[in-house]
Amino acid sequence: GQEAYIPNFFCKAYRPVLYIPSKEEVKE
């Protein structure tokens, strides 16, 4: 019942998380 990230990738190089800005962040 606790939070955890389940890896579904088996990549061999670090890939940073893709950040998608919110609608408000784009409007400003």
PDB file of all heavy atoms in Angstrom:
ATOM      1  N   GLY A   1       0.795  -1.227   0.000  1.00  0.00           N
ATOM      2  CA  GLY A   1       0.000   0.000   0.000  1.00  0.00           C
ATOM      3  C   GLY A   1       0.825   1.273   0.000  1.00  0.00           C
ATOM      4  O   GLY A   1       0.318   2.336   0.332  1.00  0.00           O
ATOM      5  N   GLN A   2       2.097   1.173  -0.359  1.00  0.00           N
ATOM      6  CA  GLN A   2       2.972   2.330  -0.398  1.00  0.00           C
ATOM      7  C   GLN A   2       3.332   2.663  -1.840  1.00  0.00           C
ATOM      8  O   GLN A   2       3.218   1.820  -2.724  1.00  0.00           O
ATOM      9  CB  GLN A   2       4.227   2.060   0.431  1.00  0.00           C
ATOM     10  CG  GLN A   2       3.907   1.802   1.896  1.00  0.00           C
ATOM     11  CD  GLN A   2       5.127   1.339   2.676  1.00  0.00           C
ATOM     12  OE1 GLN A   2       6.238   1.312   2.166  1.00  0.00           O
ATOM     13  NE2 GLN A   2       4.908   0.968   3.923  1.00  0.00           N
ATOM     14  N   GLU A   3       3.769   3.898  -2.062  1.00  0.00           N
ATOM     15  CA  GLU A   3       4.142   4.348  -3.395  1.00  0.00           C
ATOM     16  C   GLU A   3       5.488   3.759  -3.811  1.00  0.00           C
ATOM     17  O   GLU A   3       6.402   3.659  -2.989  1.00  0.00           O
ATOM     18  CB  GLU A   3       4.248   5.875  -3.429  1.00  0.00           C
ATOM     19  CG  GLU A   3       2.925   6.587  -3.307  1.00  0.00           C
ATOM     20  CD  GLU A   3       2.072   6.441  -4.537  1.00  0.00           C
ATOM     21  OE1 GLU A   3       2.602   6.542  -5.656  1.00  0.00           O
ATOM     22  OE2 GLU A   3       0.860   6.216  -4.375  1.00  0.00           O
ATOM     23  N   ALA A   4       5.607   3.394  -5.072  1.00  0.00           N
ATOM     24  CA  ALA A   4       6.871   2.916  -5.640  1.00  0.00           C
ATOM     25  C   ALA A   4       6.780   2.990  -7.151  1.00  0.00           C
ATOM     26  O   ALA A   4       5.709   2.800  -7.721  1.00  0.00           O
ATOM     27  CB  ALA A   4       7.176   1.494  -5.201  1.00  0.00           C
ATOM     28  N   TYR A   5       7.898   3.277  -7.785  1.00  0.00           N
ATOM     29  CA  TYR A   5       7.958   3.304  -9.244  1.00  0.00           C
ATOM     30  C   TYR A   5       8.304   1.900  -9.737  1.00  0.00           C
ATOM     31  O   TYR A   5       9.273   1.303  -9.282  1.00  0.00           O
ATOM     32  CB  TYR A   5       9.013   4.306  -9.723  1.00  0.00           C
ATOM     33  CG  TYR A   5       9.227   4.250 -11.206  1.00  0.00           C
ATOM     34  CD1 TYR A   5       8.320   4.834 -12.075  1.00  0.00           C
ATOM     35  CD2 TYR A   5      10.314   3.578 -11.747  1.00  0.00           C
ATOM     36  CE1 TYR A   5       8.488   4.761 -13.442  1.00  0.00           C
ATOM     37  CE2 TYR A   5      10.497   3.502 -13.121  1.00  0.00           C
ATOM     38  CZ  TYR A   5       9.585   4.091 -13.947  1.00  0.00           C
ATOM     39  OH  TYR A   5       9.752   4.015 -15.305  1.00  0.00           O
ATOM     40  N   ILE A   6       7.509   1.382 -10.662  1.00  0.00           N
ATOM     41  CA  ILE A   6       7.791   0.070 -11.241  1.00  0.00           C
ATOM     42  C   ILE A   6       8.495   0.293 -12.575  1.00  0.00           C
ATOM     43  O   ILE A   6       7.892   0.824 -13.508  1.00  0.00           O
ATOM     44  CB  ILE A   6       6.509  -0.752 -11.459  1.00  0.00           C
ATOM     45  CG1 ILE A   6       5.847  -1.032 -10.120  1.00  0.00           C
ATOM     46  CG2 ILE A   6       6.828  -2.049 -12.193  1.00  0.00           C
ATOM     47  CD1 ILE A   6       4.573  -1.829 -10.218  1.00  0.00           C
ATOM     48  N   PRO A   7       9.771  -0.082 -12.660  1.00  0.00           N
ATOM     49  CA  PRO A   7      10.468   0.112 -13.931  1.00  0.00           C
ATOM     50  C   PRO A   7       9.899  -0.802 -15.011  1.00  0.00           C
ATOM     51  O   PRO A   7       9.789  -2.001 -14.813  1.00  0.00           O
ATOM     52  CB  PRO A   7      11.925  -0.236 -13.614  1.00  0.00           C
ATOM     53  CG  PRO A   7      11.892  -0.986 -12.339  1.00  0.00           C
ATOM     54  CD  PRO A   7      10.624  -0.651 -11.639  1.00  0.00           C
ATOM     55  N   ASN A   8       9.521  -0.205 -16.119  1.00  0.00           N
ATOM     56  CA  ASN A   8       9.016  -0.988 -17.242  1.00  0.00           C
ATOM     57  C   ASN A   8       9.961  -0.859 -18.427  1.00  0.00           C
ATOM     58  O   ASN A   8       9.614  -1.166 -19.539  1.00  0.00           O
ATOM     59  CB  ASN A   8       7.606  -0.554 -17.627  1.00  0.00           C
ATOM     60  CG  ASN A   8       7.548   0.903 -18.011  1.00  0.00           C
ATOM     61  OD1 ASN A   8       8.534   1.623 -17.904  1.00  0.00           O
ATOM     62  ND2 ASN A   8       6.391   1.363 -18.445  1.00  0.00           N
ATOM     63  N   PHE A   9      11.139  -0.363 -18.162  1.00  0.00           N
ATOM     64  CA  PHE A   9      12.146  -0.185 -19.200  1.00  0.00           C
ATOM     65  C   PHE A   9      13.399  -0.920 -18.752  1.00  0.00           C
ATOM     66  O   PHE A   9      13.663  -1.040 -17.566  1.00  0.00           O
ATOM     67  CB  PHE A   9      12.485   1.296 -19.391  1.00  0.00           C
ATOM     68  CG  PHE A   9      13.038   1.922 -18.136  1.00  0.00           C
ATOM     69  CD1 PHE A   9      14.388   1.931 -17.889  1.00  0.00           C
ATOM     70  CD2 PHE A   9      12.194   2.488 -17.204  1.00  0.00           C
ATOM     71  CE1 PHE A   9      14.897   2.480 -16.723  1.00  0.00           C
ATOM     72  CE2 PHE A   9      12.696   3.041 -16.038  1.00  0.00           C
ATOM     73  CZ  PHE A   9      14.046   3.045 -15.801  1.00  0.00           C
ATOM     74  N   PHE A  10      14.119  -1.400 -19.685  1.00  0.00           N
ATOM     75  CA  PHE A  10      15.399  -2.019 -19.369  1.00  0.00           C
ATOM     76  C   PHE A  10      16.470  -1.362 -20.239  1.00  0.00           C
ATOM     77  O   PHE A  10      17.208  -2.008 -20.936  1.00  0.00           O
ATOM     78  CB  PHE A  10      15.350  -3.523 -19.593  1.00  0.00           C
ATOM     79  CG  PHE A  10      14.471  -4.267 -18.611  1.00  0.00           C
ATOM     80  CD1 PHE A  10      14.217  -5.604 -18.787  1.00  0.00           C
ATOM     81  CD2 PHE A  10      13.909  -3.651 -17.515  1.00  0.00           C
ATOM     82  CE1 PHE A  10      13.410  -6.318 -17.901  1.00  0.00           C
ATOM     83  CE2 PHE A  10      13.104  -4.340 -16.622  1.00  0.00           C
ATOM     84  CZ  PHE A  10      12.857  -5.680 -16.822  1.00  0.00           C
ATOM     85  N   CYS A  11      16.487  -0.021 -20.211  1.00  0.00           N
ATOM     86  CA  CYS A  11      17.451   0.713 -21.030  1.00  0.00           C
ATOM     87  C   CYS A  11      18.827   0.671 -20.374  1.00  0.00           C
ATOM     88  O   CYS A  11      18.943   0.479 -19.178  1.00  0.00           O
ATOM     89  CB  CYS A  11      17.011   2.160 -21.217  1.00  0.00           C
ATOM     90  SG  CYS A  11      16.916   3.104 -19.705  1.00  0.00           S
ATOM     91  N   LYS A  12      19.845   0.858 -21.176  1.00  0.00           N
ATOM     92  CA  LYS A  12      21.203   0.786 -20.660  1.00  0.00           C
ATOM     93  C   LYS A  12      21.842   2.155 -20.519  1.00  0.00           C
ATOM     94  O   LYS A  12      23.020   2.259 -20.244  1.00  0.00           O
ATOM     95  CB  LYS A  12      22.062  -0.096 -21.561  1.00  0.00           C
ATOM     96  CG  LYS A  12      21.659  -1.557 -21.470  1.00  0.00           C
ATOM     97  CD  LYS A  12      22.659  -2.411 -22.170  1.00  0.00           C
ATOM     98  CE  LYS A  12      22.384  -3.861 -21.902  1.00  0.00           C
ATOM     99  NZ  LYS A  12      23.429  -4.708 -22.410  1.00  0.00           N
ATOM    100  N   ALA A  13      21.076   3.199 -20.725  1.00  0.00           N
ATOM    101  CA  ALA A  13      21.586   4.556 -20.554  1.00  0.00           C
ATOM    102  C   ALA A  13      20.536   5.361 -19.801  1.00  0.00           C
ATOM    103  O   ALA A  13      19.336   5.133 -19.942  1.00  0.00           O
ATOM    104  CB  ALA A  13      21.870   5.202 -21.905  1.00  0.00           C
ATOM    105  N   TYR A  14      20.994   6.315 -19.006  1.00  0.00           N
ATOM    106  CA  TYR A  14      20.085   7.135 -18.209  1.00  0.00           C
ATOM    107  C   TYR A  14      19.224   7.995 -19.126  1.00  0.00           C
ATOM    108  O   TYR A  14      19.717   8.617 -20.055  1.00  0.00           O
ATOM    109  CB  TYR A  14      20.882   8.030 -17.261  1.00  0.00           C
ATOM    110  CG  TYR A  14      20.009   8.968 -16.467  1.00  0.00           C
ATOM    111  CD1 TYR A  14      19.225   8.495 -15.435  1.00  0.00           C
ATOM    112  CD2 TYR A  14      19.959  10.318 -16.775  1.00  0.00           C
ATOM    113  CE1 TYR A  14      18.417   9.336 -14.714  1.00  0.00           C
ATOM    114  CE2 TYR A  14      19.158  11.175 -16.056  1.00  0.00           C
ATOM    115  CZ  TYR A  14      18.389  10.678 -15.026  1.00  0.00           C
ATOM    116  OH  TYR A  14      17.579  11.524 -14.318  1.00  0.00           O
ATOM    117  N   ARG A  15      17.933   7.991 -18.880  1.00  0.00           N
ATOM    118  CA  ARG A  15      17.002   8.841 -19.613  1.00  0.00           C
ATOM    119  C   ARG A  15      16.231   9.667 -18.592  1.00  0.00           C
ATOM    120  O   ARG A  15      15.467   9.110 -17.804  1.00  0.00           O
ATOM    121  CB  ARG A  15      16.009   8.000 -20.405  1.00  0.00           C
ATOM    122  CG  ARG A  15      16.621   7.235 -21.526  1.00  0.00           C
ATOM    123  CD  ARG A  15      15.544   6.477 -22.271  1.00  0.00           C
ATOM    124  NE  ARG A  15      16.148   5.527 -23.172  1.00  0.00           N
ATOM    125  CZ  ARG A  15      15.498   4.556 -23.764  1.00  0.00           C
ATOM    126  NH1 ARG A  15      14.218   4.396 -23.538  1.00  0.00           N
ATOM    127  NH2 ARG A  15      16.120   3.738 -24.568  1.00  0.00           N
ATOM    128  N   PRO A  16      16.412  10.987 -18.611  1.00  0.00           N
ATOM    129  CA  PRO A  16      15.673  11.803 -17.648  1.00  0.00           C
ATOM    130  C   PRO A  16      14.176  11.778 -17.954  1.00  0.00           C
ATOM    131  O   PRO A  16      13.764  11.512 -19.086  1.00  0.00           O
ATOM    132  CB  PRO A  16      16.252  13.208 -17.838  1.00  0.00           C
ATOM    133  CG  PRO A  16      16.903  13.187 -19.168  1.00  0.00           C
ATOM    134  CD  PRO A  16      17.295  11.762 -19.451  1.00  0.00           C
ATOM    135  N   VAL A  17      13.373  12.049 -16.960  1.00  0.00           N
ATOM    136  CA  VAL A  17      11.928  12.073 -17.119  1.00  0.00           C
ATOM    137  C   VAL A  17      11.555  13.238 -18.025  1.00  0.00           C
ATOM    138  O   VAL A  17      12.046  14.351 -17.865  1.00  0.00           O
ATOM    139  CB  VAL A  17      11.231  12.236 -15.752  1.00  0.00           C
ATOM    140  CG1 VAL A  17       9.729  12.345 -15.919  1.00  0.00           C
ATOM    141  CG2 VAL A  17      11.579  11.095 -14.830  1.00  0.00           C
ATOM    142  N   LEU A  18      10.695  12.982 -18.983  1.00  0.00           N
ATOM    143  CA  LEU A  18      10.219  14.021 -19.876  1.00  0.00           C
ATOM    144  C   LEU A  18       9.254  14.907 -19.109  1.00  0.00           C
ATOM    145  O   LEU A  18       8.305  14.423 -18.494  1.00  0.00           O
ATOM    146  CB  LEU A  18       9.512  13.394 -21.080  1.00  0.00           C
ATOM    147  CG  LEU A  18       8.903  14.346 -22.087  1.00  0.00           C
ATOM    148  CD1 LEU A  18      10.002  15.201 -22.734  1.00  0.00           C
ATOM    149  CD2 LEU A  18       8.162  13.575 -23.150  1.00  0.00           C
ATOM    150  N   TYR A  19       9.507  16.214 -19.115  1.00  0.00           N
ATOM    151  CA  TYR A  19       8.638  17.152 -18.422  1.00  0.00           C
ATOM    152  C   TYR A  19       7.712  17.820 -19.414  1.00  0.00           C
ATOM    153  O   TYR A  19       8.153  18.394 -20.401  1.00  0.00           O
ATOM    154  CB  TYR A  19       9.463  18.212 -17.684  1.00  0.00           C
ATOM    155  CG  TYR A  19       8.585  19.224 -16.980  1.00  0.00           C
ATOM    156  CD1 TYR A  19       7.937  18.884 -15.801  1.00  0.00           C
ATOM    157  CD2 TYR A  19       8.374  20.477 -17.522  1.00  0.00           C
ATOM    158  CE1 TYR A  19       7.116  19.781 -15.165  1.00  0.00           C
ATOM    159  CE2 TYR A  19       7.551  21.388 -16.895  1.00  0.00           C
ATOM    160  CZ  TYR A  19       6.922  21.036 -15.711  1.00  0.00           C
ATOM    161  OH  TYR A  19       6.091  21.921 -15.086  1.00  0.00           O
ATOM    162  N   ILE A  20       6.425  17.739 -19.170  1.00  0.00           N
ATOM    163  CA  ILE A  20       5.433  18.385 -20.017  1.00  0.00           C
ATOM    164  C   ILE A  20       4.788  19.493 -19.196  1.00  0.00           C
ATOM    165  O   ILE A  20       4.160  19.220 -18.169  1.00  0.00           O
ATOM    166  CB  ILE A  20       4.373  17.381 -20.501  1.00  0.00           C
ATOM    167  CG1 ILE A  20       5.046  16.262 -21.288  1.00  0.00           C
ATOM    168  CG2 ILE A  20       3.295  18.087 -21.321  1.00  0.00           C
ATOM    169  CD1 ILE A  20       4.134  15.125 -21.658  1.00  0.00           C
ATOM    170  N   PRO A  21       4.949  20.747 -19.635  1.00  0.00           N
ATOM    171  CA  PRO A  21       4.391  21.856 -18.852  1.00  0.00           C
ATOM    172  C   PRO A  21       2.865  21.843 -18.880  1.00  0.00           C
ATOM    173  O   PRO A  21       2.250  21.381 -19.839  1.00  0.00           O
ATOM    174  CB  PRO A  21       4.942  23.103 -19.546  1.00  0.00           C
ATOM    175  CG  PRO A  21       5.310  22.658 -20.908  1.00  0.00           C
ATOM    176  CD  PRO A  21       5.651  21.206 -20.815  1.00  0.00           C
ATOM    177  N   SER A  22       2.284  22.383 -17.820  1.00  0.00           N
ATOM    178  CA  SER A  22       0.829  22.470 -17.741  1.00  0.00           C
ATOM    179  C   SER A  22       0.327  23.611 -18.627  1.00  0.00           C
ATOM    180  O   SER A  22       1.100  24.443 -19.102  1.00  0.00           O
ATOM    181  CB  SER A  22       0.399  22.722 -16.298  1.00  0.00           C
ATOM    182  OG  SER A  22       0.813  24.027 -15.907  1.00  0.00           O
ATOM    183  N   LYS A  23      -0.973  23.645 -18.814  1.00  0.00           N
ATOM    184  CA  LYS A  23      -1.589  24.689 -19.631  1.00  0.00           C
ATOM    185  C   LYS A  23      -1.280  26.070 -19.046  1.00  0.00           C
ATOM    186  O   LYS A  23      -0.994  27.011 -19.782  1.00  0.00           O
ATOM    187  CB  LYS A  23      -3.095  24.443 -19.689  1.00  0.00           C
ATOM    188  CG  LYS A  23      -3.832  25.271 -20.694  1.00  0.00           C
ATOM    189  CD  LYS A  23      -5.284  24.829 -20.778  1.00  0.00           C
ATOM    190  CE  LYS A  23      -6.015  25.600 -21.843  1.00  0.00           C
ATOM    191  NZ  LYS A  23      -7.391  25.152 -21.999  1.00  0.00           N
ATOM    192  N   GLU A  24      -1.324  26.183 -17.725  1.00  0.00           N
ATOM    193  CA  GLU A  24      -1.051  27.455 -17.057  1.00  0.00           C
ATOM    194  C   GLU A  24       0.399  27.882 -17.260  1.00  0.00           C
ATOM    195  O   GLU A  24       0.690  29.062 -17.444  1.00  0.00           O
ATOM    196  CB  GLU A  24      -1.365  27.353 -15.560  1.00  0.00           C
ATOM    197  CG  GLU A  24      -2.850  27.247 -15.248  1.00  0.00           C
ATOM    198  CD  GLU A  24      -3.449  25.883 -15.584  1.00  0.00           C
ATOM    199  OE1 GLU A  24      -2.723  24.870 -15.504  1.00  0.00           O
ATOM    200  OE2 GLU A  24      -4.631  25.843 -15.955  1.00  0.00           O
ATOM    201  N   GLU A  25       1.325  26.918 -17.228  1.00  0.00           N
ATOM    202  CA  GLU A  25       2.737  27.238 -17.432  1.00  0.00           C
ATOM    203  C   GLU A  25       3.014  27.723 -18.850  1.00  0.00           C
ATOM    204  O   GLU A  25       3.935  28.500 -19.067  1.00  0.00           O
ATOM    205  CB  GLU A  25       3.614  26.022 -17.110  1.00  0.00           C
ATOM    206  CG  GLU A  25       3.673  25.684 -15.651  1.00  0.00           C
ATOM    207  CD  GLU A  25       4.408  24.383 -15.389  1.00  0.00           C
ATOM    208  OE1 GLU A  25       4.159  23.397 -16.105  1.00  0.00           O
ATOM    209  OE2 GLU A  25       5.223  24.361 -14.453  1.00  0.00           O
ATOM    210  N   VAL A  26       2.225  27.280 -19.800  1.00  0.00           N
ATOM    211  CA  VAL A  26       2.394  27.724 -21.179  1.00  0.00           C
ATOM    212  C   VAL A  26       1.726  29.089 -21.388  1.00  0.00           C
ATOM    213  O   VAL A  26       2.248  29.944 -22.085  1.00  0.00           O
ATOM    214  CB  VAL A  26       1.818  26.681 -22.167  1.00  0.00           C
ATOM    215  CG1 VAL A  26       1.826  27.198 -23.587  1.00  0.00           C
ATOM    216  CG2 VAL A  26       2.601  25.381 -22.064  1.00  0.00           C
ATOM    217  N   LYS A  27       0.581  29.302 -20.745  1.00  0.00           N
ATOM    218  CA  LYS A  27      -0.151  30.559 -20.900  1.00  0.00           C
ATOM    219  C   LYS A  27       0.623  31.756 -20.362  1.00  0.00           C
ATOM    220  O   LYS A  27       0.585  32.838 -20.949  1.00  0.00           O
ATOM    221  CB  LYS A  27      -1.502  30.478 -20.191  1.00  0.00           C
ATOM    222  CG  LYS A  27      -2.588  29.893 -21.018  1.00  0.00           C
ATOM    223  CD  LYS A  27      -3.911  30.010 -20.276  1.00  0.00           C
ATOM    224  CE  LYS A  27      -5.053  29.579 -21.139  1.00  0.00           C
ATOM    225  NZ  LYS A  27      -6.332  29.715 -20.453  1.00  0.00           N
ATOM    226  N   GLU A  28       1.291  31.576 -19.232  1.00  0.00           N
ATOM    227  CA  GLU A  28       1.982  32.700 -18.585  1.00  0.00           C
ATOM    228  C   GLU A  28       2.991  33.393 -19.505  1.00  0.00           C
ATOM    229  O   GLU A  28       2.912  34.615 -19.698  1.00  0.00           O
ATOM    230  CB  GLU A  28       2.653  32.227 -17.292  1.00  0.00           C
ATOM    231  CG  GLU A  28       3.293  33.336 -16.520  1.00  0.00           C
ATOM    232  CD  GLU A  28       3.961  32.826 -15.258  1.00  0.00           C
ATOM    233  OE1 GLU A  28       3.590  31.745 -14.766  1.00  0.00           O
ATOM    234  OE2 GLU A  28       4.866  33.525 -14.779  1.00  0.00           O
TER     235      GLU A  28
END
